[in-house]
Amino acid sequence: MKKAALIAFISFLSIACNSKINSSDLSKINGYWEIEKVIFPDGTHKEYTINETFDYFGVKNNVGIRKKVTPQLDGTFLVNDDSEKVVIKEENGKHYLYYSTFYTKWKEELSFISDEKLVLINEAKNEYHYKRAAPITILGDGKKTK
């Protein structure tokens, strides 16, 4: 039974991750994302249960930034001046994120995006699975975070 469920899940994930991304879906990348796991080309994977940093994307008209941010216990984020420039381009029916910093350039394929999930594949064919991140609030003061 477990084997059948696993096969069904992998099939669903494969179909979902290979579905065409519409240009109207690209705005879903904006916001905070927390890495869940990385699947390597040989099929092995690494799970991330606790993350000290989240990825923040701010993209408008297919141009923007990606920045590492550190969530705080009061629901805020610590940020620094470092960021990566991002340009989203469509090539041969697929969308790619082109990153650049002062030191280097690289690209990742946008394999899947929804309101709650994001999958990026780098040039080494590693699949990075993200979930939409929410601010951490454990202060118990009843106040909403911003």
C-alpha atoms as a PDB file:
ATOM      1  CA  MET A   1       0.000   0.000   0.000  1.00  0.00           C
ATOM      2  CA  LYS A   2       2.801   2.413   0.907  1.00  0.00           C
ATOM      3  CA  LYS A   3       4.567   1.648  -2.357  1.00  0.00           C
ATOM      4  CA  ALA A   4       1.425   2.410  -4.387  1.00  0.00           C
ATOM      5  CA  ALA A   5       0.919   5.688  -2.519  1.00  0.00           C
ATOM      6  CA  LEU A   6       4.547   6.656  -3.129  1.00  0.00           C
ATOM      7  CA  ILE A   7       4.258   5.899  -6.849  1.00  0.00           C
ATOM      8  CA  ALA A   8       1.033   7.912  -7.072  1.00  0.00           C
ATOM      9  CA  PHE A   9       2.652  10.843  -5.254  1.00  0.00           C
ATOM     10  CA  ILE A  10       5.747  10.797  -7.472  1.00  0.00           C
ATOM     11  CA  SER A  11       3.557  10.610 -10.589  1.00  0.00           C
ATOM     12  CA  PHE A  12       1.463  13.563  -9.402  1.00  0.00           C
ATOM     13  CA  LEU A  13       4.574  15.561  -8.570  1.00  0.00           C
ATOM     14  CA  SER A  14       6.109  14.761 -11.936  1.00  0.00           C
ATOM     15  CA  ILE A  15       2.989  15.889 -13.795  1.00  0.00           C
ATOM     16  CA  ALA A  16       2.593  18.985 -11.630  1.00  0.00           C
ATOM     17  CA  CYS A  17       6.221  19.971 -11.996  1.00  0.00           C
ATOM     18  CA  ASN A  18       6.133  19.563 -15.762  1.00  0.00           C
ATOM     19  CA  SER A  19       2.946  21.537 -16.306  1.00  0.00           C
ATOM     20  CA  LYS A  20       3.273  24.676 -18.379  1.00  0.00           C
ATOM     21  CA  ILE A  21       3.706  27.894 -16.465  1.00  0.00           C
ATOM     22  CA  ASN A  22       1.673  30.814 -17.733  1.00  0.00           C
ATOM     23  CA  SER A  23       3.124  34.313 -17.763  1.00  0.00           C
ATOM     24  CA  SER A  24       0.277  35.354 -15.464  1.00  0.00           C
ATOM     25  CA  ASP A  25       1.630  32.924 -12.817  1.00  0.00           C
ATOM     26  CA  LEU A  26       5.005  34.663 -12.618  1.00  0.00           C
ATOM     27  CA  SER A  27       3.802  37.241 -10.084  1.00  0.00           C
ATOM     28  CA  LYS A  28       3.300  34.376  -7.602  1.00  0.00           C
ATOM     29  CA  ILE A  29       7.051  34.307  -7.096  1.00  0.00           C
ATOM     30  CA  ASN A  30       6.882  37.544  -5.108  1.00  0.00           C
ATOM     31  CA  GLY A  31       7.238  37.138  -1.369  1.00  0.00           C
ATOM     32  CA  TYR A  32       9.006  34.881   1.098  1.00  0.00           C
ATOM     33  CA  TRP A  33       9.919  31.254   0.349  1.00  0.00           C
ATOM     34  CA  GLU A  34      11.306  28.579   2.663  1.00  0.00           C
ATOM     35  CA  ILE A  35      13.238  25.643   1.249  1.00  0.00           C
ATOM     36  CA  GLU A  36      11.690  22.241   2.023  1.00  0.00           C
ATOM     37  CA  LYS A  37      14.000  19.852   0.203  1.00  0.00           C
ATOM     38  CA  VAL A  38      16.511  19.387  -2.576  1.00  0.00           C
ATOM     39  CA  ILE A  39      16.286  16.421  -4.936  1.00  0.00           C
ATOM     40  CA  PHE A  40      19.600  15.548  -6.560  1.00  0.00           C
ATOM     41  CA  PRO A  41      19.955  14.083 -10.081  1.00  0.00           C
ATOM     42  CA  ASP A  42      20.741  10.621  -8.668  1.00  0.00           C
ATOM     43  CA  GLY A  43      17.374  10.566  -6.862  1.00  0.00           C
ATOM     44  CA  THR A  44      18.697  11.192  -3.371  1.00  0.00           C
ATOM     45  CA  HIS A  45      17.294  14.120  -1.461  1.00  0.00           C
ATOM     46  CA  LYS A  46      17.948  16.358   1.518  1.00  0.00           C
ATOM     47  CA  GLU A  47      15.086  17.520   3.737  1.00  0.00           C
ATOM     48  CA  TYR A  48      15.156  20.910   5.461  1.00  0.00           C
ATOM     49  CA  THR A  49      13.086  20.951   8.641  1.00  0.00           C
ATOM     50  CA  ILE A  50      14.417  24.190  10.120  1.00  0.00           C
ATOM     51  CA  ASN A  51      15.686  27.141   8.110  1.00  0.00           C
ATOM     52  CA  GLU A  52      17.624  30.075   9.463  1.00  0.00           C
ATOM     53  CA  THR A  53      17.005  32.073   6.295  1.00  0.00           C
ATOM     54  CA  PHE A  54      14.209  32.481   3.750  1.00  0.00           C
ATOM     55  CA  ASP A  55      14.458  33.635   0.149  1.00  0.00           C
ATOM     56  CA  TYR A  56      12.627  36.849  -0.655  1.00  0.00           C
ATOM     57  CA  PHE A  57      11.679  37.579  -4.276  1.00  0.00           C
ATOM     58  CA  GLY A  58      10.561  41.017  -5.401  1.00  0.00           C
ATOM     59  CA  VAL A  59       9.856  40.943  -9.147  1.00  0.00           C
ATOM     60  CA  LYS A  60       7.883  43.359 -11.333  1.00  0.00           C
ATOM     61  CA  ASN A  61       7.651  43.122 -15.127  1.00  0.00           C
ATOM     62  CA  ASN A  62      10.006  40.111 -14.992  1.00  0.00           C
ATOM     63  CA  VAL A  63      12.835  42.100 -13.362  1.00  0.00           C
ATOM     64  CA  GLY A  64      13.688  42.265  -9.680  1.00  0.00           C
ATOM     65  CA  ILE A  65      15.739  40.838  -6.828  1.00  0.00           C
ATOM     66  CA  ARG A  66      16.218  37.758  -4.678  1.00  0.00           C
ATOM     67  CA  LYS A  67      17.451  38.364  -1.162  1.00  0.00           C
ATOM     68  CA  LYS A  68      18.218  36.142   1.838  1.00  0.00           C
ATOM     69  CA  VAL A  69      16.327  37.238   4.946  1.00  0.00           C
ATOM     70  CA  THR A  70      16.419  35.981   8.519  1.00  0.00           C
ATOM     71  CA  PRO A  71      13.066  35.551  10.271  1.00  0.00           C
ATOM     72  CA  GLN A  72      12.788  36.934  13.798  1.00  0.00           C
ATOM     73  CA  LEU A  73      10.577  35.712  16.632  1.00  0.00           C
ATOM     74  CA  ASP A  74       8.427  38.850  16.497  1.00  0.00           C
ATOM     75  CA  GLY A  75       7.394  38.231  12.874  1.00  0.00           C
ATOM     76  CA  THR A  76       9.877  40.646  11.300  1.00  0.00           C
ATOM     77  CA  PHE A  77      12.873  39.842   9.102  1.00  0.00           C
ATOM     78  CA  LEU A  78      16.497  40.894   9.342  1.00  0.00           C
ATOM     79  CA  VAL A  79      17.893  41.958   5.984  1.00  0.00           C
ATOM     80  CA  ASN A  80      21.227  43.183   4.698  1.00  0.00           C
ATOM     81  CA  ASP A  81      22.313  45.060   1.595  1.00  0.00           C
ATOM     82  CA  ASP A  82      23.175  41.910  -0.391  1.00  0.00           C
ATOM     83  CA  SER A  83      20.806  40.826  -3.134  1.00  0.00           C
ATOM     84  CA  GLU A  84      20.851  39.115  -6.500  1.00  0.00           C
ATOM     85  CA  LYS A  85      19.409  40.746  -9.585  1.00  0.00           C
ATOM     86  CA  VAL A  86      16.781  38.530 -11.226  1.00  0.00           C
ATOM     87  CA  VAL A  87      15.427  38.592 -14.768  1.00  0.00           C
ATOM     88  CA  ILE A  88      12.738  36.091 -15.790  1.00  0.00           C
ATOM     89  CA  LYS A  89      12.824  35.029 -19.444  1.00  0.00           C
ATOM     90  CA  GLU A  90      10.771  32.574 -21.467  1.00  0.00           C
ATOM     91  CA  GLU A  91      12.779  30.315 -23.775  1.00  0.00           C
ATOM     92  CA  ASN A  92      11.385  27.391 -25.773  1.00  0.00           C
ATOM     93  CA  GLY A  93       8.211  27.294 -23.699  1.00  0.00           C
ATOM     94  CA  LYS A  94      10.022  27.287 -20.340  1.00  0.00           C
ATOM     95  CA  HIS A  95      10.681  30.107 -17.889  1.00  0.00           C
ATOM     96  CA  TYR A  96      14.147  30.756 -16.500  1.00  0.00           C
ATOM     97  CA  LEU A  97      15.395  32.972 -13.707  1.00  0.00           C
ATOM     98  CA  TYR A  98      18.660  34.658 -14.653  1.00  0.00           C
ATOM     99  CA  TYR A  99      20.584  35.821 -11.595  1.00  0.00           C
ATOM    100  CA  SER A 100      23.526  38.177 -11.439  1.00  0.00           C
ATOM    101  CA  THR A 101      25.715  39.611  -8.734  1.00  0.00           C
ATOM    102  CA  PHE A 102      28.910  41.606  -8.863  1.00  0.00           C
ATOM    103  CA  TYR A 103      30.814  38.288  -8.832  1.00  0.00           C
ATOM    104  CA  THR A 104      28.874  35.796 -10.965  1.00  0.00           C
ATOM    105  CA  LYS A 105      25.888  34.940 -13.155  1.00  0.00           C
ATOM    106  CA  TRP A 106      23.727  31.797 -13.307  1.00  0.00           C
ATOM    107  CA  LYS A 107      20.248  30.618 -14.191  1.00  0.00           C
ATOM    108  CA  GLU A 108      17.560  28.314 -12.821  1.00  0.00           C
ATOM    109  CA  GLU A 109      14.538  26.821 -14.546  1.00  0.00           C
ATOM    110  CA  LEU A 110      11.180  27.721 -13.037  1.00  0.00           C
ATOM    111  CA  SER A 111       9.726  24.212 -13.034  1.00  0.00           C
ATOM    112  CA  PHE A 112       6.561  24.787 -10.974  1.00  0.00           C
ATOM    113  CA  ILE A 113       4.850  27.654  -9.187  1.00  0.00           C
ATOM    114  CA  SER A 114       1.589  28.004  -7.288  1.00  0.00           C
ATOM    115  CA  ASP A 115       0.391  30.177  -4.440  1.00  0.00           C
ATOM    116  CA  GLU A 116       2.076  27.841  -1.938  1.00  0.00           C
ATOM    117  CA  LYS A 117       4.799  25.885  -3.807  1.00  0.00           C
ATOM    118  CA  LEU A 118       7.834  26.758  -5.908  1.00  0.00           C
ATOM    119  CA  VAL A 119      10.270  24.408  -7.676  1.00  0.00           C
ATOM    120  CA  LEU A 120      13.506  25.657  -9.237  1.00  0.00           C
ATOM    121  CA  ILE A 121      16.051  23.507 -11.096  1.00  0.00           C
ATOM    122  CA  ASN A 122      19.631  24.703 -11.295  1.00  0.00           C
ATOM    123  CA  GLU A 123      22.169  23.995 -14.025  1.00  0.00           C
ATOM    124  CA  ALA A 124      23.450  20.932 -12.107  1.00  0.00           C
ATOM    125  CA  LYS A 125      19.863  19.529 -12.310  1.00  0.00           C
ATOM    126  CA  ASN A 126      19.266  19.854  -8.554  1.00  0.00           C
ATOM    127  CA  GLU A 127      15.559  20.482  -7.820  1.00  0.00           C
ATOM    128  CA  TYR A 128      14.906  23.014  -5.067  1.00  0.00           C
ATOM    129  CA  HIS A 129      11.434  22.660  -3.546  1.00  0.00           C
ATOM    130  CA  TYR A 130      10.121  25.653  -1.604  1.00  0.00           C
ATOM    131  CA  LYS A 131       6.978  26.385   0.360  1.00  0.00           C
ATOM    132  CA  ARG A 132       5.498  29.811   0.934  1.00  0.00           C
ATOM    133  CA  ALA A 133       7.011  31.143   4.149  1.00  0.00           C
ATOM    134  CA  ALA A 134       5.089  32.832   6.894  1.00  0.00           C
ATOM    135  CA  PRO A 135       6.486  35.083   9.605  1.00  0.00           C
ATOM    136  CA  ILE A 136       7.442  33.347  12.836  1.00  0.00           C
ATOM    137  CA  THR A 137       5.515  34.529  15.869  1.00  0.00           C
ATOM    138  CA  ILE A 138       6.057  32.747  19.148  1.00  0.00           C
ATOM    139  CA  LEU A 139       5.761  35.726  21.448  1.00  0.00           C
ATOM    140  CA  GLY A 140       2.121  34.956  22.195  1.00  0.00           C
ATOM    141  CA  ASP A 141       1.131  38.619  22.465  1.00  0.00           C
ATOM    142  CA  GLY A 142      -1.870  38.152  20.155  1.00  0.00           C
ATOM    143  CA  LYS A 143      -0.659  40.813  17.730  1.00  0.00           C
ATOM    144  CA  LYS A 144      -0.663  40.181  14.008  1.00  0.00           C
ATOM    145  CA  THR A 145       2.631  40.340  12.172  1.00  0.00           C
ATOM    146  CA  LYS A 146       3.136  42.580   9.176  1.00  0.00           C
END
